[in-house]
Amino acid sequence: MIIVFLLITISCTSQKKEIISKSTIKLEGKDTNVRDLIDIDGYYQNMHYSKIMFFEDGLYVDQFLFKQGLSECEIQANMSKSLYCGVENQKKYWGFHWGVYKIVEDTIIVYHYLRGSWWTPWYADEVRYKIIDRTTIQPIYSRDLRQSEEQYYKEYNKSPWIKNGDVFYFNLADSLPSSDCWLKEEKWIWKNESDWRNYMEKIKQKKKK
């Protein structure tokens, strides 16, 4: 059992290091100007009820749920209180995948992450969304961040480029949740260490209140 545990730990650590080395999109401690291109005071949802959000500071989140029994009007009136929250290490969380993004012309490029644990490996994807208009976006690309396009094709026998991806439409909401999350506490996700230190100090002060 000890040998198995050590092998799993080494594997998870190795995966995290590889993901960090390939994570070229960084938080810059300033707004991304995403509002110039799309509406973000709410969330995007496709026909299969998958939901995503973009925050002005460069954060992205997907795979979140709302509490059962709430109407669309109740969700739109107070999104923060409508979110279903899980608990991990005695901390509440509401987003399953957190990530960062950058904007290249009419495309939003996202790196999003699944944090590993003792028994769960780290995972990261690159997803690209084409901006159709201010309230409509469409996924056009998706691959494991650790793989090149050629490796992805060999592994899955298909291109990472998506044809006719499910369109996401904007849903306006009030009382939006914060972008504070575990990912922002990771120093490697920041472009400048000073911005990471400022963020950690803000979190520290918030916990004192």
N, C-alpha and C. Protein backbone atom coordinates (compact mmCIF):
# COMPACT_ATOMS: atom_id res chain seq x y z
N MET A 1 0.82 -1.21 0.00
CA MET A 1 0.00 0.00 0.00
C MET A 1 0.85 1.26 0.00
N ILE A 2 1.94 1.23 0.75
CA ILE A 2 2.82 2.41 0.81
C ILE A 2 3.44 2.67 -0.56
N ILE A 3 3.84 1.60 -1.25
CA ILE A 3 4.45 1.76 -2.58
C ILE A 3 3.43 2.33 -3.56
N VAL A 4 2.20 1.81 -3.51
CA VAL A 4 1.14 2.32 -4.40
C VAL A 4 0.87 3.79 -4.12
N PHE A 5 0.81 4.14 -2.84
CA PHE A 5 0.57 5.53 -2.45
C PHE A 5 1.67 6.44 -2.98
N LEU A 6 2.93 6.01 -2.87
CA LEU A 6 4.06 6.81 -3.34
C LEU A 6 4.03 6.96 -4.85
N LEU A 7 3.67 5.90 -5.56
CA LEU A 7 3.61 5.97 -7.02
C LEU A 7 2.52 6.94 -7.48
N ILE A 8 1.37 6.91 -6.82
CA ILE A 8 0.28 7.83 -7.15
C ILE A 8 0.69 9.26 -6.86
N THR A 9 1.33 9.49 -5.73
CA THR A 9 1.77 10.83 -5.35
C THR A 9 2.77 11.38 -6.35
N ILE A 10 3.73 10.55 -6.75
CA ILE A 10 4.74 10.97 -7.72
C ILE A 10 4.09 11.30 -9.06
N SER A 11 3.13 10.47 -9.47
CA SER A 11 2.43 10.69 -10.74
C SER A 11 1.66 11.99 -10.72
N CYS A 12 0.92 12.26 -9.65
CA CYS A 12 0.13 13.50 -9.54
C CYS A 12 1.04 14.72 -9.53
N THR A 13 2.16 14.63 -8.81
CA THR A 13 3.11 15.75 -8.77
C THR A 13 3.70 16.02 -10.14
N SER A 14 4.03 14.95 -10.86
CA SER A 14 4.59 15.09 -12.19
C SER A 14 3.59 15.73 -13.15
N GLN A 15 2.32 15.32 -13.06
CA GLN A 15 1.28 15.89 -13.92
C GLN A 15 1.10 17.37 -13.64
N LYS A 16 1.11 17.74 -12.36
CA LYS A 16 0.94 19.14 -12.01
C LYS A 16 2.09 19.98 -12.58
N LYS A 17 3.32 19.49 -12.46
CA LYS A 17 4.47 20.22 -12.98
C LYS A 17 4.38 20.40 -14.49
N GLU A 18 3.93 19.36 -15.18
CA GLU A 18 3.79 19.45 -16.63
C GLU A 18 2.73 20.47 -17.01
N ILE A 19 1.61 20.45 -16.31
CA ILE A 19 0.54 21.39 -16.58
C ILE A 19 0.99 22.82 -16.33
N ILE A 20 1.70 23.04 -15.22
CA ILE A 20 2.19 24.38 -14.91
C ILE A 20 3.15 24.87 -15.99
N SER A 21 4.02 23.98 -16.48
CA SER A 21 4.99 24.37 -17.50
C SER A 21 4.33 24.77 -18.81
N LYS A 22 3.11 24.25 -19.06
CA LYS A 22 2.42 24.54 -20.32
C LYS A 22 1.31 25.57 -20.16
N SER A 23 1.19 26.11 -18.95
CA SER A 23 0.15 27.11 -18.68
C SER A 23 0.68 28.51 -18.99
N THR A 24 0.54 28.91 -20.22
CA THR A 24 1.09 30.19 -20.68
C THR A 24 0.14 31.37 -20.50
N ILE A 25 -1.14 31.09 -20.25
CA ILE A 25 -2.08 32.17 -19.96
C ILE A 25 -2.02 32.47 -18.46
N LYS A 26 -1.76 33.73 -18.13
CA LYS A 26 -1.57 34.12 -16.74
C LYS A 26 -2.51 35.25 -16.34
N LEU A 27 -2.81 35.31 -15.05
CA LEU A 27 -3.54 36.45 -14.51
C LEU A 27 -2.60 37.64 -14.43
N GLU A 28 -3.06 38.80 -14.86
CA GLU A 28 -2.18 39.97 -14.91
C GLU A 28 -2.54 41.03 -13.89
N GLY A 29 -3.52 40.76 -13.04
CA GLY A 29 -3.87 41.73 -12.01
C GLY A 29 -4.59 42.95 -12.53
N LYS A 30 -5.22 42.83 -13.69
CA LYS A 30 -5.98 43.94 -14.26
C LYS A 30 -7.11 43.37 -15.10
N ASP A 31 -8.05 44.24 -15.47
CA ASP A 31 -9.20 43.79 -16.26
C ASP A 31 -8.80 43.44 -17.68
N THR A 32 -9.52 42.51 -18.27
CA THR A 32 -9.20 42.01 -19.60
C THR A 32 -9.90 42.78 -20.73
N ASN A 33 -10.80 43.68 -20.38
CA ASN A 33 -11.61 44.41 -21.36
C ASN A 33 -12.56 43.48 -22.13
N VAL A 34 -12.91 42.35 -21.53
CA VAL A 34 -13.82 41.42 -22.17
C VAL A 34 -15.20 42.05 -22.40
N ARG A 35 -15.54 43.04 -21.57
CA ARG A 35 -16.83 43.72 -21.71
C ARG A 35 -16.97 44.43 -23.05
N ASP A 36 -15.86 44.74 -23.67
CA ASP A 36 -15.93 45.39 -24.98
C ASP A 36 -16.47 44.45 -26.06
N LEU A 37 -16.44 43.14 -25.76
CA LEU A 37 -16.81 42.15 -26.77
C LEU A 37 -18.07 41.37 -26.45
N ILE A 38 -18.25 41.00 -25.17
CA ILE A 38 -19.42 40.21 -24.79
C ILE A 38 -19.99 40.71 -23.46
N ASP A 39 -21.24 40.34 -23.20
CA ASP A 39 -21.85 40.64 -21.91
C ASP A 39 -21.38 39.61 -20.89
N ILE A 40 -21.05 40.05 -19.69
CA ILE A 40 -20.57 39.13 -18.66
C ILE A 40 -21.30 39.26 -17.33
N ASP A 41 -22.31 40.11 -17.24
CA ASP A 41 -23.06 40.25 -15.99
C ASP A 41 -24.14 39.18 -15.92
N GLY A 42 -23.67 37.94 -15.84
CA GLY A 42 -24.54 36.78 -15.83
C GLY A 42 -23.75 35.56 -16.25
N TYR A 43 -24.40 34.59 -16.85
CA TYR A 43 -23.72 33.36 -17.23
C TYR A 43 -24.18 32.93 -18.63
N TYR A 44 -23.40 32.05 -19.24
CA TYR A 44 -23.74 31.49 -20.55
C TYR A 44 -24.17 30.04 -20.38
N GLN A 45 -25.15 29.62 -21.19
CA GLN A 45 -25.67 28.26 -21.07
C GLN A 45 -25.99 27.72 -22.46
N ASN A 46 -25.71 26.41 -22.69
CA ASN A 46 -26.06 25.81 -23.97
C ASN A 46 -27.34 24.98 -23.83
N MET A 47 -27.72 24.30 -24.89
CA MET A 47 -28.99 23.56 -24.89
C MET A 47 -28.96 22.36 -23.95
N HIS A 48 -27.76 21.93 -23.55
CA HIS A 48 -27.64 20.82 -22.62
C HIS A 48 -27.49 21.29 -21.17
N TYR A 49 -27.71 22.58 -20.96
CA TYR A 49 -27.67 23.21 -19.64
C TYR A 49 -26.27 23.27 -19.02
N SER A 50 -25.25 23.12 -19.85
CA SER A 50 -23.89 23.39 -19.37
C SER A 50 -23.73 24.90 -19.22
N LYS A 51 -23.08 25.31 -18.15
CA LYS A 51 -22.99 26.74 -17.84
C LYS A 51 -21.53 27.16 -17.70
N ILE A 52 -21.23 28.38 -18.15
CA ILE A 52 -19.90 28.95 -18.01
C ILE A 52 -20.01 30.43 -17.68
N MET A 53 -18.95 30.95 -17.06
CA MET A 53 -18.90 32.38 -16.74
C MET A 53 -17.51 32.93 -17.04
N PHE A 54 -17.47 34.17 -17.48
CA PHE A 54 -16.22 34.90 -17.65
C PHE A 54 -16.22 36.07 -16.68
N PHE A 55 -15.13 36.23 -15.93
CA PHE A 55 -14.99 37.36 -15.03
C PHE A 55 -14.03 38.37 -15.65
N GLU A 56 -14.25 39.63 -15.32
CA GLU A 56 -13.47 40.70 -15.93
C GLU A 56 -11.99 40.62 -15.59
N ASP A 57 -11.65 39.99 -14.46
CA ASP A 57 -10.24 39.93 -14.04
C ASP A 57 -9.46 38.82 -14.72
N GLY A 58 -10.11 38.06 -15.64
CA GLY A 58 -9.41 37.01 -16.37
C GLY A 58 -9.74 35.60 -15.92
N LEU A 59 -10.63 35.46 -14.92
CA LEU A 59 -11.04 34.13 -14.45
C LEU A 59 -12.21 33.60 -15.27
N TYR A 60 -12.30 32.27 -15.30
CA TYR A 60 -13.35 31.55 -16.02
C TYR A 60 -13.79 30.39 -15.14
N VAL A 61 -15.05 30.03 -15.20
CA VAL A 61 -15.54 28.87 -14.45
C VAL A 61 -16.61 28.16 -15.27
N ASP A 62 -16.62 26.82 -15.14
CA ASP A 62 -17.69 26.06 -15.77
C ASP A 62 -18.12 24.91 -14.87
N GLN A 63 -19.15 24.21 -15.31
CA GLN A 63 -19.72 23.09 -14.57
C GLN A 63 -20.15 23.49 -13.15
N PHE A 64 -21.07 24.42 -13.08
CA PHE A 64 -21.67 24.77 -11.80
C PHE A 64 -23.18 24.56 -11.88
N LEU A 65 -23.79 24.40 -10.71
CA LEU A 65 -25.20 24.06 -10.63
C LEU A 65 -25.95 25.08 -9.77
N PHE A 66 -27.26 25.13 -9.99
CA PHE A 66 -28.13 25.94 -9.14
C PHE A 66 -28.93 25.03 -8.22
N LYS A 67 -29.36 25.56 -7.10
CA LYS A 67 -30.18 24.79 -6.16
C LYS A 67 -31.47 24.36 -6.82
N GLN A 68 -31.94 23.20 -6.44
CA GLN A 68 -33.17 22.67 -7.02
C GLN A 68 -34.39 23.49 -6.58
N GLY A 69 -35.35 23.55 -7.47
CA GLY A 69 -36.62 24.18 -7.14
C GLY A 69 -36.67 25.68 -7.38
N LEU A 70 -35.58 26.28 -7.85
CA LEU A 70 -35.58 27.72 -8.09
C LEU A 70 -36.05 28.03 -9.51
N SER A 71 -36.80 29.10 -9.64
CA SER A 71 -37.25 29.53 -10.96
C SER A 71 -36.16 30.36 -11.63
N GLU A 72 -36.29 30.55 -12.92
CA GLU A 72 -35.33 31.39 -13.65
C GLU A 72 -35.32 32.81 -13.08
N CYS A 73 -36.47 33.29 -12.69
CA CYS A 73 -36.55 34.65 -12.14
C CYS A 73 -35.78 34.75 -10.82
N GLU A 74 -35.89 33.73 -9.98
CA GLU A 74 -35.18 33.73 -8.69
C GLU A 74 -33.67 33.67 -8.92
N ILE A 75 -33.23 32.86 -9.89
CA ILE A 75 -31.81 32.76 -10.20
C ILE A 75 -31.28 34.08 -10.73
N GLN A 76 -32.03 34.69 -11.63
CA GLN A 76 -31.60 35.95 -12.23
C GLN A 76 -31.58 37.08 -11.21
N ALA A 77 -32.46 37.01 -10.22
CA ALA A 77 -32.54 38.08 -9.21
C ALA A 77 -31.38 38.02 -8.23
N ASN A 78 -30.87 36.82 -7.94
CA ASN A 78 -29.76 36.69 -6.99
C ASN A 78 -28.99 35.42 -7.31
N MET A 79 -28.05 35.52 -8.22
CA MET A 79 -27.32 34.35 -8.68
C MET A 79 -26.46 33.75 -7.57
N SER A 80 -25.82 34.60 -6.76
CA SER A 80 -24.93 34.10 -5.71
C SER A 80 -25.65 33.17 -4.75
N LYS A 81 -26.84 33.56 -4.31
CA LYS A 81 -27.59 32.74 -3.35
C LYS A 81 -28.24 31.53 -4.02
N SER A 82 -28.28 31.53 -5.34
CA SER A 82 -28.93 30.43 -6.06
C SER A 82 -27.98 29.27 -6.35
N LEU A 83 -26.67 29.49 -6.18
CA LEU A 83 -25.69 28.48 -6.54
C LEU A 83 -25.67 27.31 -5.55
N TYR A 84 -25.54 26.12 -6.09
CA TYR A 84 -25.35 24.94 -5.25
C TYR A 84 -23.87 24.87 -4.87
N CYS A 85 -23.56 24.73 -3.60
CA CYS A 85 -22.18 24.71 -3.13
C CYS A 85 -21.82 23.35 -2.54
N GLY A 86 -20.63 22.87 -2.89
CA GLY A 86 -20.09 21.68 -2.27
C GLY A 86 -19.11 22.08 -1.17
N VAL A 87 -18.55 21.09 -0.49
CA VAL A 87 -17.59 21.36 0.58
C VAL A 87 -16.35 20.50 0.34
N GLU A 88 -15.19 21.14 0.39
CA GLU A 88 -13.92 20.42 0.26
C GLU A 88 -12.94 21.01 1.26
N ASN A 89 -12.35 20.15 2.09
CA ASN A 89 -11.42 20.61 3.12
C ASN A 89 -12.04 21.71 3.98
N GLN A 90 -13.31 21.51 4.31
CA GLN A 90 -14.07 22.42 5.17
C GLN A 90 -14.27 23.79 4.53
N LYS A 91 -14.11 23.87 3.22
CA LYS A 91 -14.34 25.12 2.50
C LYS A 91 -15.43 24.92 1.46
N LYS A 92 -16.32 25.87 1.34
CA LYS A 92 -17.36 25.79 0.34
C LYS A 92 -16.80 26.15 -1.04
N TYR A 93 -17.30 25.48 -2.06
CA TYR A 93 -16.93 25.81 -3.43
C TYR A 93 -18.15 25.62 -4.32
N TRP A 94 -18.18 26.32 -5.45
CA TRP A 94 -19.35 26.19 -6.33
C TRP A 94 -18.98 25.89 -7.78
N GLY A 95 -17.77 26.07 -8.19
CA GLY A 95 -17.38 25.79 -9.56
C GLY A 95 -16.51 24.54 -9.62
N PHE A 96 -16.76 23.68 -10.60
CA PHE A 96 -15.99 22.45 -10.70
C PHE A 96 -14.67 22.69 -11.43
N HIS A 97 -14.71 23.40 -12.53
CA HIS A 97 -13.50 23.75 -13.29
C HIS A 97 -13.28 25.26 -13.23
N TRP A 98 -12.12 25.66 -12.76
CA TRP A 98 -11.73 27.07 -12.79
C TRP A 98 -10.58 27.23 -13.78
N GLY A 99 -10.55 28.40 -14.42
CA GLY A 99 -9.49 28.61 -15.40
C GLY A 99 -9.24 30.09 -15.67
N VAL A 100 -8.37 30.34 -16.63
CA VAL A 100 -8.03 31.69 -17.05
C VAL A 100 -8.19 31.77 -18.56
N TYR A 101 -8.33 32.99 -19.06
CA TYR A 101 -8.54 33.14 -20.49
C TYR A 101 -7.79 34.36 -21.03
N LYS A 102 -7.62 34.37 -22.35
CA LYS A 102 -7.14 35.55 -23.05
C LYS A 102 -7.96 35.71 -24.31
N ILE A 103 -7.95 36.91 -24.85
CA ILE A 103 -8.76 37.22 -26.03
C ILE A 103 -7.84 37.47 -27.21
N VAL A 104 -8.09 36.75 -28.30
CA VAL A 104 -7.33 36.93 -29.54
C VAL A 104 -8.34 37.21 -30.65
N GLU A 105 -8.43 38.48 -31.04
CA GLU A 105 -9.39 38.91 -32.06
C GLU A 105 -10.81 38.51 -31.66
N ASP A 106 -11.46 37.58 -32.40
CA ASP A 106 -12.85 37.22 -32.10
C ASP A 106 -12.94 35.89 -31.34
N THR A 107 -11.84 35.50 -30.70
CA THR A 107 -11.80 34.20 -30.02
C THR A 107 -11.34 34.36 -28.57
N ILE A 108 -12.03 33.66 -27.66
CA ILE A 108 -11.62 33.61 -26.26
C ILE A 108 -10.95 32.25 -26.03
N ILE A 109 -9.68 32.28 -25.64
CA ILE A 109 -8.92 31.06 -25.41
C ILE A 109 -8.86 30.81 -23.90
N VAL A 110 -9.35 29.65 -23.47
CA VAL A 110 -9.45 29.32 -22.05
C VAL A 110 -8.54 28.14 -21.72
N TYR A 111 -7.81 28.25 -20.62
CA TYR A 111 -7.17 27.10 -19.98
C TYR A 111 -7.93 26.86 -18.69
N HIS A 112 -8.55 25.69 -18.56
CA HIS A 112 -9.23 25.43 -17.28
C HIS A 112 -8.72 24.14 -16.67
N TYR A 113 -8.80 24.07 -15.34
CA TYR A 113 -8.07 23.07 -14.57
C TYR A 113 -8.97 22.30 -13.63
N LEU A 114 -8.63 21.02 -13.46
CA LEU A 114 -9.20 20.19 -12.42
C LEU A 114 -8.09 19.91 -11.42
N ARG A 115 -8.23 20.42 -10.23
CA ARG A 115 -7.18 20.28 -9.22
C ARG A 115 -7.08 18.84 -8.73
N GLY A 116 -5.85 18.37 -8.65
CA GLY A 116 -5.62 17.00 -8.19
C GLY A 116 -5.62 16.89 -6.67
N SER A 117 -5.66 15.66 -6.21
CA SER A 117 -5.57 15.36 -4.78
C SER A 117 -4.68 14.13 -4.64
N TRP A 118 -4.70 13.51 -3.46
CA TRP A 118 -3.86 12.33 -3.26
C TRP A 118 -4.19 11.23 -4.24
N TRP A 119 -5.48 11.13 -4.61
CA TRP A 119 -5.90 10.01 -5.45
C TRP A 119 -6.39 10.45 -6.82
N THR A 120 -6.52 11.74 -7.02
CA THR A 120 -7.03 12.26 -8.30
C THR A 120 -5.96 13.05 -9.00
N PRO A 121 -5.66 12.75 -10.26
CA PRO A 121 -4.61 13.47 -10.98
C PRO A 121 -5.06 14.88 -11.38
N TRP A 122 -4.11 15.75 -11.57
CA TRP A 122 -4.38 17.06 -12.15
C TRP A 122 -4.78 16.89 -13.61
N TYR A 123 -5.62 17.81 -14.06
CA TYR A 123 -6.03 17.77 -15.46
C TYR A 123 -6.24 19.20 -15.94
N ALA A 124 -5.96 19.45 -17.22
CA ALA A 124 -6.16 20.78 -17.79
C ALA A 124 -6.56 20.67 -19.25
N ASP A 125 -7.47 21.51 -19.66
CA ASP A 125 -7.94 21.58 -21.05
C ASP A 125 -7.70 22.97 -21.62
N GLU A 126 -7.53 23.03 -22.92
CA GLU A 126 -7.62 24.29 -23.65
C GLU A 126 -8.91 24.27 -24.45
N VAL A 127 -9.74 25.27 -24.25
CA VAL A 127 -10.99 25.40 -25.00
C VAL A 127 -11.03 26.79 -25.62
N ARG A 128 -11.47 26.86 -26.87
CA ARG A 128 -11.58 28.14 -27.55
C ARG A 128 -13.04 28.40 -27.93
N TYR A 129 -13.49 29.62 -27.64
CA TYR A 129 -14.85 30.03 -27.97
C TYR A 129 -14.80 31.15 -29.00
N LYS A 130 -15.55 30.96 -30.08
CA LYS A 130 -15.68 32.03 -31.08
C LYS A 130 -16.81 32.96 -30.66
N ILE A 131 -16.56 34.25 -30.68
CA ILE A 131 -17.58 35.23 -30.34
C ILE A 131 -18.47 35.46 -31.55
N ILE A 132 -19.73 35.10 -31.44
CA ILE A 132 -20.69 35.30 -32.53
C ILE A 132 -21.26 36.72 -32.47
N ASP A 133 -21.70 37.10 -31.27
CA ASP A 133 -22.14 38.48 -31.01
C ASP A 133 -22.03 38.70 -29.51
N ARG A 134 -22.57 39.78 -29.00
CA ARG A 134 -22.36 40.12 -27.58
C ARG A 134 -22.99 39.12 -26.62
N THR A 135 -23.94 38.33 -27.07
CA THR A 135 -24.63 37.41 -26.17
C THR A 135 -24.55 35.94 -26.65
N THR A 136 -23.68 35.67 -27.61
CA THR A 136 -23.62 34.33 -28.17
C THR A 136 -22.17 33.94 -28.44
N ILE A 137 -21.76 32.78 -27.92
CA ILE A 137 -20.43 32.26 -28.19
C ILE A 137 -20.53 30.78 -28.53
N GLN A 138 -19.51 30.25 -29.21
CA GLN A 138 -19.55 28.86 -29.66
C GLN A 138 -18.18 28.21 -29.50
N PRO A 139 -18.10 27.03 -28.85
CA PRO A 139 -16.82 26.32 -28.74
C PRO A 139 -16.37 25.83 -30.11
N ILE A 140 -15.10 26.07 -30.44
CA ILE A 140 -14.58 25.66 -31.75
C ILE A 140 -13.34 24.78 -31.62
N TYR A 141 -12.87 24.56 -30.37
CA TYR A 141 -11.60 23.85 -30.20
C TYR A 141 -11.53 23.33 -28.77
N SER A 142 -11.03 22.10 -28.60
CA SER A 142 -10.87 21.55 -27.25
C SER A 142 -9.82 20.45 -27.28
N ARG A 143 -8.85 20.51 -26.35
CA ARG A 143 -7.84 19.47 -26.26
C ARG A 143 -7.23 19.45 -24.86
N ASP A 144 -6.63 18.34 -24.50
CA ASP A 144 -5.85 18.21 -23.29
C ASP A 144 -4.65 19.15 -23.41
N LEU A 145 -4.45 19.99 -22.42
CA LEU A 145 -3.38 20.99 -22.49
C LEU A 145 -2.00 20.36 -22.59
N ARG A 146 -1.87 19.14 -22.10
CA ARG A 146 -0.57 18.48 -22.12
C ARG A 146 -0.21 17.89 -23.48
N GLN A 147 -1.19 17.85 -24.39
CA GLN A 147 -0.97 17.25 -25.69
C GLN A 147 -0.92 18.30 -26.80
N SER A 148 -0.05 18.08 -27.77
CA SER A 148 -0.07 18.91 -28.98
C SER A 148 -1.27 18.49 -29.83
N GLU A 149 -1.55 19.25 -30.87
CA GLU A 149 -2.66 18.87 -31.75
C GLU A 149 -2.41 17.50 -32.38
N GLU A 150 -1.16 17.24 -32.74
CA GLU A 150 -0.81 15.95 -33.35
C GLU A 150 -1.01 14.81 -32.36
N GLN A 151 -0.57 15.01 -31.11
CA GLN A 151 -0.74 13.97 -30.09
C GLN A 151 -2.21 13.73 -29.79
N TYR A 152 -2.99 14.82 -29.75
CA TYR A 152 -4.42 14.71 -29.50
C TYR A 152 -5.08 13.86 -30.59
N TYR A 153 -4.71 14.12 -31.84
CA TYR A 153 -5.30 13.38 -32.95
C TYR A 153 -4.95 11.89 -32.86
N LYS A 154 -3.69 11.59 -32.54
CA LYS A 154 -3.28 10.20 -32.42
C LYS A 154 -3.99 9.49 -31.27
N GLU A 155 -4.20 10.23 -30.17
CA GLU A 155 -4.82 9.63 -28.99
C GLU A 155 -6.31 9.37 -29.20
N TYR A 156 -7.02 10.32 -29.83
CA TYR A 156 -8.47 10.23 -29.94
C TYR A 156 -8.97 10.02 -31.37
N ASN A 157 -8.04 10.02 -32.33
CA ASN A 157 -8.38 9.83 -33.74
C ASN A 157 -9.38 10.87 -34.24
N LYS A 158 -9.23 12.08 -33.75
CA LYS A 158 -10.06 13.19 -34.23
C LYS A 158 -9.32 14.50 -33.99
N SER A 159 -9.72 15.50 -34.72
CA SER A 159 -9.09 16.81 -34.59
C SER A 159 -9.62 17.53 -33.35
N PRO A 160 -8.79 18.35 -32.70
CA PRO A 160 -9.31 19.14 -31.57
C PRO A 160 -10.26 20.26 -32.03
N TRP A 161 -10.27 20.54 -33.33
CA TRP A 161 -11.18 21.56 -33.86
C TRP A 161 -12.59 21.00 -33.92
N ILE A 162 -13.54 21.77 -33.42
CA ILE A 162 -14.92 21.32 -33.28
C ILE A 162 -15.78 21.94 -34.38
N LYS A 163 -16.55 21.10 -35.04
CA LYS A 163 -17.53 21.59 -36.01
C LYS A 163 -18.92 21.59 -35.38
N ASN A 164 -19.62 22.69 -35.55
CA ASN A 164 -21.00 22.79 -35.05
C ASN A 164 -21.09 22.54 -33.55
N GLY A 165 -20.18 23.17 -32.78
CA GLY A 165 -20.24 23.06 -31.33
C GLY A 165 -21.50 23.67 -30.76
N ASP A 166 -21.94 23.15 -29.61
CA ASP A 166 -23.17 23.66 -28.98
C ASP A 166 -23.02 25.14 -28.63
N VAL A 167 -23.91 25.95 -29.13
CA VAL A 167 -23.87 27.39 -28.91
C VAL A 167 -24.25 27.72 -27.47
N PHE A 168 -23.55 28.67 -26.88
CA PHE A 168 -23.86 29.16 -25.54
C PHE A 168 -24.50 30.55 -25.65
N TYR A 169 -25.63 30.71 -24.95
CA TYR A 169 -26.35 31.97 -24.97
C TYR A 169 -26.29 32.63 -23.58
N PHE A 170 -26.27 33.95 -23.58
CA PHE A 170 -26.11 34.71 -22.34
C PHE A 170 -27.41 34.79 -21.57
N ASN A 171 -27.30 34.67 -20.24
CA ASN A 171 -28.42 34.85 -19.32
C ASN A 171 -28.05 35.93 -18.31
N LEU A 172 -28.77 37.02 -18.34
CA LEU A 172 -28.51 38.13 -17.43
C LEU A 172 -28.85 37.73 -16.00
N ALA A 173 -28.03 38.17 -15.03
CA ALA A 173 -28.30 37.87 -13.62
C ALA A 173 -27.76 38.99 -12.74
N ASP A 174 -28.36 39.14 -11.57
CA ASP A 174 -27.92 40.13 -10.58
C ASP A 174 -27.22 39.42 -9.43
N SER A 175 -26.53 40.21 -8.57
CA SER A 175 -25.83 39.67 -7.40
C SER A 175 -24.94 38.51 -7.78
N LEU A 176 -23.96 38.80 -8.64
CA LEU A 176 -23.08 37.75 -9.17
C LEU A 176 -22.11 37.26 -8.12
N PRO A 177 -21.68 36.00 -8.22
CA PRO A 177 -20.67 35.48 -7.29
C PRO A 177 -19.30 36.08 -7.57
N SER A 178 -18.42 35.97 -6.60
CA SER A 178 -17.06 36.46 -6.73
C SER A 178 -16.22 35.48 -7.54
N SER A 179 -15.14 35.98 -8.15
CA SER A 179 -14.20 35.12 -8.86
C SER A 179 -13.14 34.52 -7.92
N ASP A 180 -13.22 34.82 -6.62
CA ASP A 180 -12.26 34.23 -5.67
C ASP A 180 -12.40 32.72 -5.68
N CYS A 181 -11.28 32.02 -5.80
CA CYS A 181 -11.31 30.56 -5.87
C CYS A 181 -9.91 30.03 -5.58
N TRP A 182 -9.79 28.72 -5.51
CA TRP A 182 -8.51 28.08 -5.20
C TRP A 182 -7.44 28.41 -6.23
N LEU A 183 -7.83 28.57 -7.49
CA LEU A 183 -6.84 28.80 -8.55
C LEU A 183 -6.10 30.11 -8.35
N LYS A 184 -6.79 31.13 -7.87
CA LYS A 184 -6.14 32.43 -7.66
C LYS A 184 -5.15 32.40 -6.50
N GLU A 185 -5.23 31.36 -5.68
CA GLU A 185 -4.28 31.23 -4.57
C GLU A 185 -2.99 30.52 -5.00
N GLU A 186 -2.96 30.03 -6.24
CA GLU A 186 -1.77 29.38 -6.79
C GLU A 186 -0.84 30.44 -7.39
N LYS A 187 0.37 30.53 -6.88
CA LYS A 187 1.30 31.56 -7.35
C LYS A 187 1.61 31.43 -8.83
N TRP A 188 1.67 30.19 -9.35
CA TRP A 188 2.07 29.97 -10.73
C TRP A 188 1.08 30.50 -11.75
N ILE A 189 -0.18 30.75 -11.34
CA ILE A 189 -1.17 31.22 -12.30
C ILE A 189 -1.06 32.72 -12.55
N TRP A 190 -0.27 33.42 -11.74
CA TRP A 190 -0.12 34.86 -11.87
C TRP A 190 1.11 35.22 -12.71
N LYS A 191 1.00 36.27 -13.47
CA LYS A 191 2.13 36.75 -14.27
C LYS A 191 3.19 37.39 -13.38
N ASN A 192 2.71 38.15 -12.38
CA ASN A 192 3.63 38.84 -11.47
C ASN A 192 3.40 38.37 -10.04
N GLU A 193 4.47 38.00 -9.36
CA GLU A 193 4.36 37.50 -8.00
C GLU A 193 3.77 38.55 -7.06
N SER A 194 4.04 39.83 -7.34
CA SER A 194 3.52 40.89 -6.48
C SER A 194 1.99 40.92 -6.49
N ASP A 195 1.39 40.64 -7.66
CA ASP A 195 -0.07 40.62 -7.74
C ASP A 195 -0.63 39.43 -6.95
N TRP A 196 0.07 38.31 -7.00
CA TRP A 196 -0.35 37.16 -6.20
C TRP A 196 -0.28 37.50 -4.71
N ARG A 197 0.78 38.15 -4.27
CA ARG A 197 0.92 38.52 -2.86
C ARG A 197 -0.19 39.48 -2.44
N ASN A 198 -0.53 40.42 -3.30
CA ASN A 198 -1.61 41.36 -3.00
C ASN A 198 -2.94 40.63 -2.86
N TYR A 199 -3.17 39.66 -3.72
CA TYR A 199 -4.41 38.89 -3.65
C TYR A 199 -4.47 38.08 -2.36
N MET A 200 -3.38 37.42 -2.00
CA MET A 200 -3.35 36.62 -0.79
C MET A 200 -3.55 37.48 0.45
N GLU A 201 -3.04 38.68 0.42
CA GLU A 201 -3.24 39.60 1.55
C GLU A 201 -4.71 40.00 1.64
N LYS A 202 -5.33 40.21 0.48
CA LYS A 202 -6.76 40.54 0.47
C LYS A 202 -7.59 39.41 1.07
N ILE A 203 -7.25 38.18 0.71
CA ILE A 203 -7.97 37.02 1.25
C ILE A 203 -7.74 36.90 2.76
N LYS A 204 -6.53 37.18 3.19
CA LYS A 204 -6.20 37.12 4.61
C LYS A 204 -7.02 38.13 5.40
N GLN A 205 -7.15 39.34 4.89
CA GLN A 205 -7.91 40.38 5.56
C GLN A 205 -9.39 40.03 5.57
N LYS A 206 -9.86 39.41 4.51
CA LYS A 206 -11.28 39.05 4.42
C LYS A 206 -11.63 38.00 5.46
N LYS A 207 -10.71 37.07 5.71
CA LYS A 207 -10.95 36.01 6.70
C LYS A 207 -11.00 36.57 8.11
N LYS A 208 -10.32 37.70 8.37
CA LYS A 208 -10.31 38.30 9.69
C LYS A 208 -11.63 38.96 10.04
N LYS A 209 -12.38 39.34 9.01
CA LYS A 209 -13.63 40.06 9.27
C LYS A 209 -14.74 39.11 9.73
